[in-house]
Protein backbone atom coordinates (compact mmCIF):
# COMPACT_ATOMS: atom_id res chain seq x y z
CA MET A 1 31.29 -20.98 -45.22
CA THR A 2 29.11 -20.24 -48.17
CA ASN A 3 29.63 -17.25 -50.42
CA VAL A 4 27.22 -14.58 -51.60
CA SER A 5 28.19 -12.46 -54.58
CA ARG A 6 29.27 -8.92 -53.71
CA ARG A 7 26.80 -7.67 -56.31
CA GLN A 8 23.97 -9.35 -54.39
CA VAL A 9 25.13 -7.75 -51.15
CA LEU A 10 25.41 -4.29 -52.66
CA ARG A 11 22.00 -4.58 -54.29
CA LEU A 12 20.01 -6.04 -51.41
CA VAL A 13 21.56 -4.69 -48.24
CA PRO A 14 21.00 -0.94 -48.78
CA ALA A 15 17.39 -1.47 -49.81
CA ALA A 16 16.59 -3.33 -46.62
CA ALA A 17 18.74 -1.13 -44.40
CA MET A 18 17.31 2.30 -45.14
CA LEU A 19 14.00 1.69 -43.43
CA PRO A 20 11.65 4.18 -41.76
CA TYR A 21 12.02 3.77 -37.98
CA ALA A 22 9.74 6.55 -36.79
CA GLY A 23 7.13 4.00 -35.73
CA ALA A 24 9.59 1.74 -33.92
CA ARG A 25 9.51 1.94 -30.17
CA ALA A 26 12.49 3.57 -28.55
CA SER A 27 15.29 1.28 -27.43
CA VAL A 28 16.13 0.68 -23.81
CA SER A 29 18.31 3.20 -22.01
CA THR A 30 22.01 2.36 -22.20
CA GLY A 31 23.66 5.47 -20.86
CA GLY A 32 24.35 6.77 -24.35
CA TYR A 33 25.54 3.50 -25.95
CA PRO A 34 26.92 3.37 -28.54
CA THR A 35 29.17 6.34 -27.82
CA GLN A 36 32.02 5.00 -29.98
CA PRO A 37 32.38 2.80 -33.08
CA VAL A 38 31.38 -0.81 -32.46
CA SER A 39 33.26 -3.60 -34.25
CA VAL A 40 30.94 -6.41 -35.26
CA ILE A 41 33.23 -9.39 -35.83
CA VAL A 42 32.16 -11.97 -38.40
CA PRO A 43 34.29 -15.13 -38.03
CA PHE A 44 33.82 -15.96 -41.72
CA GLY A 45 35.07 -14.33 -44.91
CA ALA A 46 33.72 -11.31 -46.74
CA GLY A 47 30.98 -12.35 -49.15
CA SER A 48 29.85 -15.29 -47.03
CA SER A 49 26.18 -15.69 -46.18
CA THR A 50 27.03 -14.76 -42.59
CA ASP A 51 28.78 -11.62 -43.81
CA TYR A 52 25.71 -10.70 -45.85
CA MET A 53 23.39 -10.97 -42.85
CA ALA A 54 25.79 -9.08 -40.58
CA ARG A 55 25.89 -6.19 -43.04
CA LEU A 56 22.14 -6.26 -43.47
CA MET A 57 21.71 -5.96 -39.70
CA THR A 58 24.44 -3.36 -39.08
CA ASN A 59 23.38 -1.15 -41.99
CA GLY A 60 19.95 -1.06 -40.41
CA LEU A 61 21.49 -0.07 -37.07
CA ASN A 62 23.56 2.62 -38.76
CA ALA A 63 20.41 4.17 -40.16
CA ARG A 64 19.66 5.18 -36.56
CA TYR A 65 23.21 5.37 -35.20
CA PRO A 66 25.25 6.61 -38.19
CA GLY A 67 28.68 5.06 -38.53
CA ARG A 68 28.62 3.34 -35.15
CA PHE A 69 28.51 -0.31 -36.22
CA ILE A 70 31.32 -1.60 -38.45
CA VAL A 71 31.60 -5.18 -39.74
CA ASP A 72 35.07 -6.70 -39.43
CA ASN A 73 35.74 -10.12 -40.97
CA LYS A 74 38.12 -12.38 -39.05
CA PRO A 75 37.80 -15.83 -40.66
CA GLY A 76 39.79 -18.98 -40.05
CA ALA A 77 40.10 -22.16 -37.97
CA GLY A 78 36.42 -23.08 -38.21
CA ALA A 79 35.31 -19.63 -36.98
CA SER A 80 37.58 -19.91 -33.94
CA ILE A 81 39.87 -16.98 -34.74
CA GLY A 82 37.18 -14.32 -34.86
CA THR A 83 35.24 -15.87 -31.99
CA ALA A 84 38.30 -15.98 -29.72
CA HIS A 85 39.05 -12.35 -30.55
CA VAL A 86 35.63 -11.28 -29.27
CA GLY A 87 35.85 -13.49 -26.20
CA LYS A 88 39.04 -11.71 -25.13
CA SER A 89 37.66 -8.21 -25.82
CA SER A 90 36.51 -5.69 -23.23
CA PRO A 91 32.91 -6.30 -22.09
CA ASP A 92 31.83 -2.74 -22.88
CA GLY A 93 29.90 -3.32 -26.10
CA SER A 94 32.73 -2.06 -28.32
CA VAL A 95 33.32 -5.52 -29.86
CA LEU A 96 30.50 -7.91 -30.74
CA LEU A 97 30.23 -11.24 -32.57
CA TYR A 98 27.78 -11.95 -35.39
CA THR A 99 27.97 -15.63 -36.24
CA THR A 100 26.32 -18.86 -37.17
CA ALA A 101 25.73 -21.57 -34.59
CA THR A 102 29.11 -23.16 -35.38
CA PRO A 103 31.30 -21.72 -32.59
CA PHE A 104 28.81 -22.57 -29.86
CA VAL A 105 27.01 -25.79 -30.77
CA ILE A 106 29.31 -27.57 -33.24
CA ASN A 107 32.95 -26.70 -32.52
CA PRO A 108 32.81 -27.84 -28.86
CA PHE A 109 32.11 -31.37 -30.10
CA ILE A 110 34.55 -31.27 -33.04
CA TYR A 111 37.69 -29.95 -31.35
CA LYS A 112 39.27 -31.29 -28.18
CA LYS A 113 40.65 -27.84 -27.43
CA LEU A 114 39.15 -24.48 -28.37
CA ALA A 115 40.78 -21.05 -28.42
CA TYR A 116 37.73 -19.76 -26.55
CA GLU A 117 35.05 -20.99 -24.18
CA PRO A 118 31.31 -20.63 -24.95
CA ARG A 119 30.82 -19.31 -21.42
CA GLU A 120 32.90 -16.26 -22.43
CA PHE A 121 29.87 -14.95 -24.34
CA ILE A 122 26.37 -13.65 -23.75
CA PRO A 123 23.80 -14.52 -26.45
CA ALA A 124 22.07 -11.19 -27.18
CA ALA A 125 19.72 -11.77 -30.13
CA ARG A 126 18.79 -14.55 -32.54
CA THR A 127 18.05 -13.52 -36.13
CA VAL A 128 17.55 -16.21 -38.78
CA GLU A 129 17.45 -19.93 -39.45
CA LEU A 130 19.59 -21.23 -42.30
CA ALA A 131 18.46 -24.47 -43.88
CA LEU A 132 20.86 -25.97 -46.40
CA VAL A 133 19.88 -27.21 -49.84
CA LEU A 134 20.93 -30.60 -51.21
CA VAL A 135 22.15 -29.94 -54.75
CA VAL A 136 23.56 -32.07 -57.57
CA SER A 137 25.07 -31.29 -60.94
CA ALA A 138 22.58 -31.10 -63.79
CA THR A 139 24.89 -33.46 -65.68
CA LEU A 140 24.12 -36.25 -63.19
CA GLY A 141 20.68 -36.72 -64.70
CA VAL A 142 18.98 -36.78 -61.29
CA ARG A 143 15.85 -34.65 -60.79
CA ASN A 144 14.44 -35.67 -57.39
CA PHE A 145 15.38 -37.39 -54.14
CA ALA A 146 14.09 -40.82 -55.15
CA GLU A 147 16.32 -40.76 -58.25
CA LEU A 148 19.31 -39.57 -56.20
CA ARG A 149 18.78 -42.34 -53.67
CA ARG A 150 18.71 -44.98 -56.38
CA TYR A 151 21.84 -43.49 -57.94
CA LEU A 152 23.69 -43.54 -54.61
CA GLU A 153 22.66 -47.12 -53.89
CA ARG A 154 23.90 -48.27 -57.30
CA ASN A 155 27.14 -46.26 -57.11
CA SER A 156 27.91 -46.16 -53.39
CA LYS A 157 31.59 -46.97 -53.84
CA ALA A 158 32.14 -44.26 -56.45
CA ALA A 159 29.75 -41.57 -55.17
CA SER A 160 30.92 -38.68 -53.00
CA TYR A 161 29.66 -35.60 -51.20
CA SER A 162 31.60 -32.40 -50.60
CA SER A 163 31.70 -29.95 -47.71
CA TYR A 164 33.57 -26.86 -46.51
CA GLY A 165 35.68 -28.91 -44.15
CA ALA A 166 35.49 -31.67 -41.57
CA GLY A 167 33.02 -30.80 -38.84
CA THR A 168 31.22 -28.07 -40.76
CA SER A 169 27.42 -28.12 -40.99
CA SER A 170 27.65 -29.20 -44.65
CA HIS A 171 29.83 -32.17 -43.62
CA ILE A 172 27.53 -33.14 -40.76
CA ALA A 173 24.46 -32.87 -42.99
CA GLY A 174 26.01 -35.10 -45.65
CA ALA A 175 27.41 -37.66 -43.21
CA VAL A 176 24.14 -38.02 -41.30
CA LEU A 177 22.24 -38.45 -44.57
CA ALA A 178 24.67 -41.15 -45.72
CA ARG A 179 24.13 -43.08 -42.50
CA LYS A 180 20.37 -42.71 -42.58
CA LEU A 181 20.44 -44.10 -46.11
CA GLU A 182 22.64 -46.94 -44.78
CA LEU A 183 25.43 -45.89 -47.11
CA PRO A 184 28.24 -44.92 -44.70
CA GLU A 185 30.81 -45.79 -47.37
CA LEU A 186 29.98 -42.64 -49.36
CA LEU A 187 33.19 -40.63 -49.73
CA HIS A 188 33.40 -37.26 -47.97
CA VAL A 189 35.48 -34.68 -49.86
CA PRO A 190 36.30 -31.68 -47.63
CA TYR A 191 37.28 -28.32 -49.13
CA LYS A 192 39.08 -25.40 -47.52
CA ASP A 193 38.01 -22.89 -50.15
CA THR A 194 35.10 -22.09 -52.47
CA LYS A 195 35.91 -24.68 -55.16
CA ALA A 196 33.34 -27.16 -53.86
CA ILE A 197 30.53 -25.71 -55.98
CA PRO A 198 32.50 -25.40 -59.27
CA ASP A 199 33.67 -28.99 -58.77
CA LEU A 200 30.08 -30.08 -58.14
CA VAL A 201 28.89 -28.34 -61.32
CA ALA A 202 31.66 -30.15 -63.19
CA GLY A 203 30.45 -33.48 -61.80
CA ARG A 204 33.52 -34.23 -59.67
CA ASN A 205 31.32 -34.94 -56.63
CA THR A 206 27.81 -36.36 -56.40
CA PHE A 207 26.07 -33.96 -54.03
CA HIS A 208 26.64 -31.04 -51.69
CA MET A 209 24.68 -29.28 -48.92
CA GLU A 210 24.77 -25.53 -49.47
CA ALA A 211 23.07 -22.25 -48.55
CA TRP A 212 20.42 -21.19 -51.06
CA SER A 213 22.10 -17.82 -51.53
CA SER A 214 25.12 -19.54 -53.05
CA VAL A 215 23.40 -22.02 -55.34
CA LYS A 216 20.25 -20.14 -56.39
CA PRO A 217 21.88 -18.51 -59.48
CA LEU A 218 23.29 -21.86 -60.62
CA VAL A 219 19.95 -23.61 -60.06
CA LYS A 220 18.18 -20.89 -62.04
CA ALA A 221 20.79 -21.20 -64.79
CA GLY A 222 20.22 -24.96 -65.04
CA GLN A 223 23.72 -25.94 -63.92
CA LEU A 224 22.63 -27.39 -60.58
CA VAL A 225 19.48 -29.19 -59.50
CA ALA A 226 18.02 -28.49 -56.05
CA ILE A 227 16.76 -31.75 -54.58
CA ALA A 228 15.63 -31.10 -50.98
CA VAL A 229 16.20 -28.96 -47.88
CA THR A 230 17.79 -29.97 -44.59
CA SER A 231 15.27 -28.32 -42.23
CA ALA A 232 12.45 -30.29 -40.61
CA HIS A 233 9.87 -28.03 -42.29
CA PRO A 234 9.41 -26.74 -45.86
CA VAL A 235 11.00 -23.34 -46.52
CA LYS A 236 9.13 -20.23 -47.63
CA TRP A 237 11.83 -19.24 -50.10
CA ALA A 238 11.57 -22.52 -52.07
CA PRO A 239 8.28 -24.18 -51.04
CA GLU A 240 8.47 -26.63 -53.92
CA LEU A 241 11.47 -28.39 -52.36
CA PRO A 242 10.68 -31.35 -50.09
CA THR A 243 12.44 -31.82 -46.79
CA ILE A 244 15.00 -34.60 -46.53
CA ALA A 245 13.05 -35.84 -43.50
CA SER A 246 9.92 -36.36 -45.61
CA ALA A 247 11.94 -37.99 -48.38
CA ILE A 248 13.63 -40.56 -46.14
CA GLY A 249 10.71 -41.01 -43.74
CA THR A 250 12.66 -40.38 -40.55
CA GLU A 251 13.86 -37.53 -38.37
CA TYR A 252 16.32 -35.18 -40.03
CA ASP A 253 16.66 -31.52 -39.04
CA ILE A 254 20.07 -30.06 -39.75
CA ALA A 255 19.45 -26.35 -40.01
CA THR A 256 21.75 -23.82 -38.42
CA TRP A 257 21.08 -20.26 -37.23
CA HIS A 258 22.58 -16.79 -36.82
CA GLY A 259 22.83 -14.52 -33.81
CA ILE A 260 24.65 -11.62 -32.17
CA PHE A 261 26.81 -12.25 -29.09
CA ALA A 262 28.63 -10.02 -26.60
CA PRO A 263 31.58 -10.81 -24.33
CA ALA A 264 30.67 -12.13 -20.90
CA LYS A 265 30.14 -9.44 -18.24
CA THR A 266 28.82 -6.96 -20.81
CA PRO A 267 26.29 -4.75 -18.96
CA GLN A 268 22.73 -6.02 -19.15
CA SER A 269 21.60 -2.64 -20.47
CA ILE A 270 23.76 -3.11 -23.58
CA VAL A 271 22.56 -6.70 -24.06
CA ASP A 272 18.95 -5.47 -23.82
CA PHE A 273 19.73 -2.67 -26.28
CA LEU A 274 21.07 -5.17 -28.82
CA ASN A 275 18.14 -7.51 -28.34
CA ASP A 276 15.67 -4.67 -28.83
CA GLU A 277 17.41 -3.16 -31.86
CA PHE A 278 17.75 -6.51 -33.60
CA ARG A 279 14.06 -7.14 -32.92
CA VAL A 280 13.24 -3.90 -34.74
CA ARG A 281 15.42 -4.94 -37.68
CA MET A 282 13.88 -8.41 -37.93
CA GLU A 283 10.28 -7.21 -37.63
CA SER A 284 10.51 -4.87 -40.62
CA ALA A 285 8.85 -6.18 -43.78
CA GLU A 286 11.80 -5.10 -45.93
CA THR A 287 14.36 -6.98 -43.84
CA ARG A 288 12.22 -10.09 -43.70
CA GLN A 289 11.83 -10.08 -47.48
CA ALA A 290 15.57 -9.59 -47.97
CA CYS A 291 16.17 -12.59 -45.72
CA LEU A 292 13.76 -14.78 -47.66
CA ASP A 293 15.28 -13.68 -50.98
CA MET A 294 18.65 -14.93 -49.77
CA GLY A 295 17.37 -18.21 -48.31
CA PHE A 296 17.09 -17.29 -44.63
CA ASN A 297 14.03 -17.92 -42.49
CA PRO A 298 13.43 -15.04 -40.02
CA TYR A 299 12.94 -16.30 -36.48
CA PRO A 300 10.22 -15.13 -34.08
CA HIS A 301 11.64 -12.75 -31.48
CA MET A 302 13.34 -14.14 -28.38
CA THR A 303 14.59 -12.31 -25.33
CA ALA A 304 18.29 -12.59 -24.58
CA GLU A 305 17.50 -15.05 -21.79
CA GLN A 306 15.37 -17.19 -24.11
CA PHE A 307 18.12 -17.14 -26.74
CA SER A 308 20.66 -18.28 -24.16
CA ALA A 309 18.44 -21.23 -23.21
CA PHE A 310 17.92 -22.01 -26.92
CA VAL A 311 21.68 -22.18 -27.52
CA LYS A 312 22.10 -24.67 -24.67
CA ARG A 313 19.29 -26.88 -26.01
CA ASP A 314 20.63 -26.72 -29.54
CA ALA A 315 24.10 -27.77 -28.40
CA THR A 316 22.58 -31.05 -27.23
CA ARG A 317 20.92 -31.53 -30.63
CA TRP A 318 24.16 -30.92 -32.54
CA GLN A 319 26.14 -33.12 -30.20
CA GLY A 320 23.84 -35.95 -31.23
CA TYR A 321 24.31 -35.18 -34.91
CA VAL A 322 28.10 -35.04 -34.59
CA LYS A 323 28.01 -38.47 -32.95
CA GLU A 324 25.60 -39.82 -35.57
CA ALA A 325 27.88 -38.49 -38.33
CA GLY A 326 30.74 -40.53 -36.87
CA ILE A 327 32.98 -37.48 -36.47
CA GLN A 328 35.77 -37.95 -33.93
CA PRO A 329 37.03 -34.87 -32.04
CA GLU A 330 40.47 -33.73 -33.16
């Protein structure tokens, strides 16, 4: 999962968290919830883009419920470790999951056996869309998608793309692109750590799909070149970048999302509380700007029921992409 510098987190999160809530409508009644500290599990490492968003959201909650919401990072096994921990927790709102789409719409089609079941969770609130950015090293001499395509066609046996592991969204995005370009022979180089970007800068791989928050400083410094975005629509945070879909002239929409989940059987009043509170966070101008600054697109509000239906639909979409990428379950 992509990394955000701790300096960026410390600078941006407090500014967006300490917001005036006097005008926000009161949350639904929950019988006093939260009456005790709530662990918000992030199944990715500290400093990741998911970690940044979780802290942005929980700091906002803590402005109204001081010290109640505490982020706890439990990374590993493609987000399965932290996700399984929440799935086995008491359904009383004391343990929640803030995550990307990975555990619910990608992992079920990547792994033959999971340490958890998606049905063990209730989707409570959707927050942001995360489109990835296709980046190359400045040393490659490529400045736009047409030039990259020509380069790949001329060097298909030597070219490569990196990812944060087999079955991750960056892998799927790269593999699907290779097949749509009719270049399935492009080499996939999976990483288990954060060395993918330094290796890309050094020219060891040809391209990588990455969150804007991780590559923005390097793009601004002239070490990387941003080529296109993986979403079906242009992004507000970098409107000058074309979509891959427009560049290749066919369907291509490999953007992921974030959301908050509770264990199954959590009382509806707590689910409604979370949905309402996250709506307040996401509707504030300061939070929305912080999201855009870090390369996230704030979503329109959904009820918990609408979010649940969205997750089911999106699982079908990702299942198709996993198949198109040629990834075999392991």
